[in-house]
Amino acid sequence: KADSMASVVHSDEAVSIEQNTSNVNSGKQSKLPSDSRIELGDITQHNIRQLRIINQVVFPVSYTDKFYDDILENGELGRLAYFNDIVVGAVCCRIQSEAGQRRLYIMTLGCLAPYRELGVGTKLLEYVFEICSRDKNIDNIFLHVQTSNEGALAFYKKFGFEIVDTAYNYYKRIVPPDAYVLQKNLVRS
């Protein structure tokens, strides 16, 4: 995969990614062509730049070097999404313990716009659920979503997430600055 990803990242990396995605899903079709495939891969020192680029293109906020160092340290809590061997999305999580609960926090889960509604986000979120099914000590999954991001809100609600709080002035340099806190409680038998 590393060799095929190299074609995505060139000197003008963000433009290169957008050029490679410009005609993929312009009609917002929800059906994948029969020869399409979505795969997830580890985030490593060798492909961390691609995660940085995906985050720069998808999210309206910037992430620090520490964020990326933590992702490399946490191994299985982050994945890149490949659509036919091209990096098109990613998920990055961390485990938090607070108030007697062990929680999985989705720091980022995103997909390049032309690849949305093709199942990439679903595949990434299913991976998060898989982490939780292996670690029986996780009580719930939570994340922040900008209050104006109706697409993300609908996506997470489809998977049983509920708005449990509003974090006012959560974002520093974007409008609106407020975020909903979404949560999905895990039912353990």
Protein backbone atom coordinates (compact mmCIF):
# COMPACT_ATOMS: atom_id res chain seq x y z
CA LYS A 1 0.00 0.00 0.00
CA ALA A 2 2.83 2.38 0.76
CA ASP A 3 3.95 2.31 -2.88
CA SER A 4 0.49 2.99 -4.25
CA MET A 5 -0.03 5.80 -1.73
CA ALA A 6 3.09 7.55 -2.92
CA SER A 7 1.28 8.58 -6.07
CA VAL A 8 -1.15 10.54 -3.91
CA VAL A 9 1.47 12.58 -2.08
CA HIS A 10 3.65 14.85 -4.22
CA SER A 11 5.14 18.30 -3.82
CA ASP A 12 1.76 20.00 -3.75
CA GLU A 13 0.19 17.33 -1.57
CA ALA A 14 -3.25 18.71 -0.80
CA VAL A 15 -3.86 19.67 -4.43
CA SER A 16 -2.70 16.22 -5.52
CA ILE A 17 -5.20 14.52 -3.23
CA GLU A 18 -8.02 16.74 -4.43
CA GLN A 19 -7.12 16.11 -8.09
CA ASN A 20 -7.19 12.37 -7.50
CA THR A 21 -10.65 12.63 -5.95
CA SER A 22 -12.34 15.17 -8.21
CA ASN A 23 -14.54 12.78 -10.19
CA VAL A 24 -15.05 9.90 -7.79
CA ASN A 25 -18.45 10.73 -6.38
CA SER A 26 -19.63 13.92 -8.01
CA GLY A 27 -23.11 12.47 -8.43
CA LYS A 28 -23.30 11.39 -4.76
CA GLN A 29 -24.06 7.83 -5.73
CA SER A 30 -24.34 5.54 -2.73
CA LYS A 31 -23.51 2.38 -4.71
CA LEU A 32 -19.90 1.30 -5.08
CA PRO A 33 -18.75 0.07 -8.45
CA SER A 34 -18.34 -3.72 -8.24
CA ASP A 35 -14.54 -3.54 -8.43
CA SER A 36 -14.20 -0.91 -5.67
CA ARG A 37 -12.82 -1.82 -2.27
CA ILE A 38 -12.39 -0.05 1.04
CA GLU A 39 -9.60 -1.19 3.32
CA LEU A 40 -8.15 0.09 6.58
CA GLY A 41 -4.45 0.25 7.37
CA ASP A 42 -2.15 1.10 10.25
CA ILE A 43 -0.85 4.61 10.74
CA THR A 44 2.93 4.47 10.80
CA GLN A 45 5.91 6.78 10.69
CA HIS A 46 5.99 6.12 6.93
CA ASN A 47 2.45 7.36 6.22
CA ILE A 48 1.79 9.89 9.00
CA ARG A 49 2.16 12.71 6.45
CA GLN A 50 -0.87 11.38 4.63
CA LEU A 51 -2.89 11.53 7.85
CA ARG A 52 -1.77 15.15 8.25
CA ILE A 53 -2.93 15.96 4.73
CA ILE A 54 -6.29 14.23 5.15
CA ASN A 55 -6.86 16.18 8.37
CA GLN A 56 -5.85 19.49 6.74
CA VAL A 57 -8.28 18.93 3.87
CA VAL A 58 -11.21 17.51 5.86
CA PHE A 59 -11.24 19.45 9.14
CA PRO A 60 -11.49 23.21 9.77
CA VAL A 61 -8.99 22.99 12.66
CA SER A 62 -5.25 22.33 12.80
CA TYR A 63 -3.65 19.59 14.85
CA THR A 64 -0.33 19.86 16.67
CA ASP A 65 2.75 17.67 16.29
CA LYS A 66 1.87 16.18 19.69
CA PHE A 67 -1.46 14.99 18.26
CA TYR A 68 0.38 13.04 15.55
CA ASP A 69 3.01 11.73 17.99
CA ASP A 70 0.19 10.42 20.21
CA ILE A 71 -1.44 8.70 17.22
CA LEU A 72 1.81 6.88 16.45
CA GLU A 73 2.11 5.86 20.11
CA ASN A 74 -1.46 4.54 20.35
CA GLY A 75 -1.10 2.17 17.39
CA GLU A 76 -4.40 0.37 17.07
CA LEU A 77 -6.49 3.45 17.96
CA GLY A 78 -5.93 5.03 14.55
CA ARG A 79 -6.45 3.83 10.99
CA LEU A 80 -6.17 5.18 7.46
CA ALA A 81 -8.95 4.37 5.01
CA TYR A 82 -8.04 3.36 1.47
CA PHE A 83 -10.42 3.44 -1.46
CA ASN A 84 -8.89 1.32 -4.23
CA ASP A 85 -5.44 1.83 -2.64
CA ILE A 86 -5.78 5.63 -2.35
CA VAL A 87 -5.83 7.21 1.12
CA VAL A 88 -9.20 8.93 1.45
CA GLY A 89 -9.95 9.06 5.17
CA ALA A 90 -8.89 8.28 8.70
CA VAL A 91 -9.98 7.76 12.27
CA CYS A 92 -7.96 8.66 15.38
CA CYS A 93 -9.09 7.80 18.91
CA ARG A 94 -7.84 7.71 22.47
CA ILE A 95 -8.95 6.06 25.68
CA GLN A 96 -9.92 8.36 28.56
CA SER A 97 -10.69 7.48 32.14
CA GLU A 98 -12.87 9.93 34.03
CA ALA A 99 -15.59 9.84 36.66
CA GLY A 100 -15.18 6.10 37.10
CA GLN A 101 -15.71 5.40 33.41
CA ARG A 102 -13.36 4.20 30.69
CA ARG A 103 -14.34 5.95 27.47
CA LEU A 104 -13.19 5.89 23.87
CA TYR A 105 -12.92 9.40 22.45
CA ILE A 106 -13.05 9.79 18.67
CA MET A 107 -10.66 12.69 18.12
CA THR A 108 -11.11 12.66 14.34
CA LEU A 109 -13.07 10.59 11.87
CA GLY A 110 -13.20 12.00 8.38
CA CYS A 111 -13.26 11.25 4.70
CA LEU A 112 -12.46 13.35 1.64
CA ALA A 113 -15.70 14.85 0.30
CA PRO A 114 -15.77 13.00 -3.06
CA TYR A 115 -15.62 9.66 -1.20
CA ARG A 116 -18.47 10.34 1.20
CA GLU A 117 -21.57 8.18 0.97
CA LEU A 118 -19.50 5.28 -0.36
CA GLY A 119 -19.14 3.50 2.98
CA VAL A 120 -15.72 4.83 4.02
CA GLY A 121 -16.98 6.56 7.18
CA THR A 122 -19.05 3.51 8.06
CA LYS A 123 -16.00 1.27 7.70
CA LEU A 124 -14.00 3.60 9.98
CA LEU A 125 -16.76 3.72 12.60
CA GLU A 126 -17.16 -0.07 12.46
CA TYR A 127 -13.47 -0.28 13.28
CA VAL A 128 -14.10 1.87 16.38
CA PHE A 129 -16.90 -0.51 17.40
CA GLU A 130 -14.50 -3.42 16.88
CA ILE A 131 -11.98 -1.83 19.27
CA CYS A 132 -14.74 -1.55 21.86
CA SER A 133 -15.86 -5.13 21.38
CA ARG A 134 -12.30 -6.35 22.05
CA ASP A 135 -11.90 -4.09 25.12
CA LYS A 136 -14.84 -4.96 27.36
CA ASN A 137 -13.85 -2.23 29.85
CA ILE A 138 -14.93 0.66 27.59
CA ASP A 139 -18.25 2.07 28.83
CA ASN A 140 -19.05 4.45 25.98
CA ILE A 141 -17.82 6.22 22.86
CA PHE A 142 -17.96 9.99 22.56
CA LEU A 143 -16.88 12.83 20.29
CA HIS A 144 -17.39 16.50 19.50
CA VAL A 145 -19.21 17.67 16.36
CA GLN A 146 -19.49 21.30 15.32
CA THR A 147 -23.10 22.38 15.83
CA SER A 148 -23.49 23.37 12.18
CA ASN A 149 -22.21 20.04 10.80
CA GLU A 150 -25.57 18.48 9.94
CA GLY A 151 -24.03 15.73 7.80
CA ALA A 152 -21.83 14.47 10.64
CA LEU A 153 -24.70 14.70 13.14
CA ALA A 154 -26.96 12.61 10.88
CA PHE A 155 -24.17 10.08 10.29
CA TYR A 156 -23.50 9.48 13.99
CA LYS A 157 -27.19 9.46 14.95
CA LYS A 158 -27.69 6.68 12.38
CA PHE A 159 -25.33 4.57 14.52
CA GLY A 160 -27.06 5.29 17.82
CA PHE A 161 -25.09 8.31 19.04
CA GLU A 162 -27.05 10.92 20.97
CA ILE A 163 -26.36 14.55 21.80
CA VAL A 164 -25.62 14.63 25.52
CA ASP A 165 -24.21 18.15 25.92
CA THR A 166 -23.16 21.33 24.14
CA ALA A 167 -19.59 22.59 24.52
CA TYR A 168 -19.81 26.34 24.05
CA ASN A 169 -16.76 28.04 22.49
CA TYR A 170 -15.13 24.63 21.99
CA TYR A 171 -13.43 25.75 18.76
CA LYS A 172 -11.15 28.76 18.83
CA ARG A 173 -10.92 30.01 15.24
CA ILE A 174 -14.01 28.75 13.44
CA VAL A 175 -17.64 29.80 13.32
CA PRO A 176 -19.77 28.60 14.92
CA PRO A 177 -17.39 27.87 17.80
CA ASP A 178 -19.80 25.51 19.59
CA ALA A 179 -19.77 21.71 19.46
CA TYR A 180 -22.25 19.06 20.42
CA VAL A 181 -20.96 16.22 22.56
CA LEU A 182 -22.25 12.99 21.07
CA GLN A 183 -22.18 9.74 22.98
CA LYS A 184 -23.04 6.10 22.44
CA ASN A 185 -23.34 3.95 25.55
CA LEU A 186 -22.12 0.40 25.10
CA VAL A 187 -24.42 -2.36 26.26
CA ARG A 188 -22.42 -5.14 27.90
CA SER A 189 -23.88 -8.56 28.59
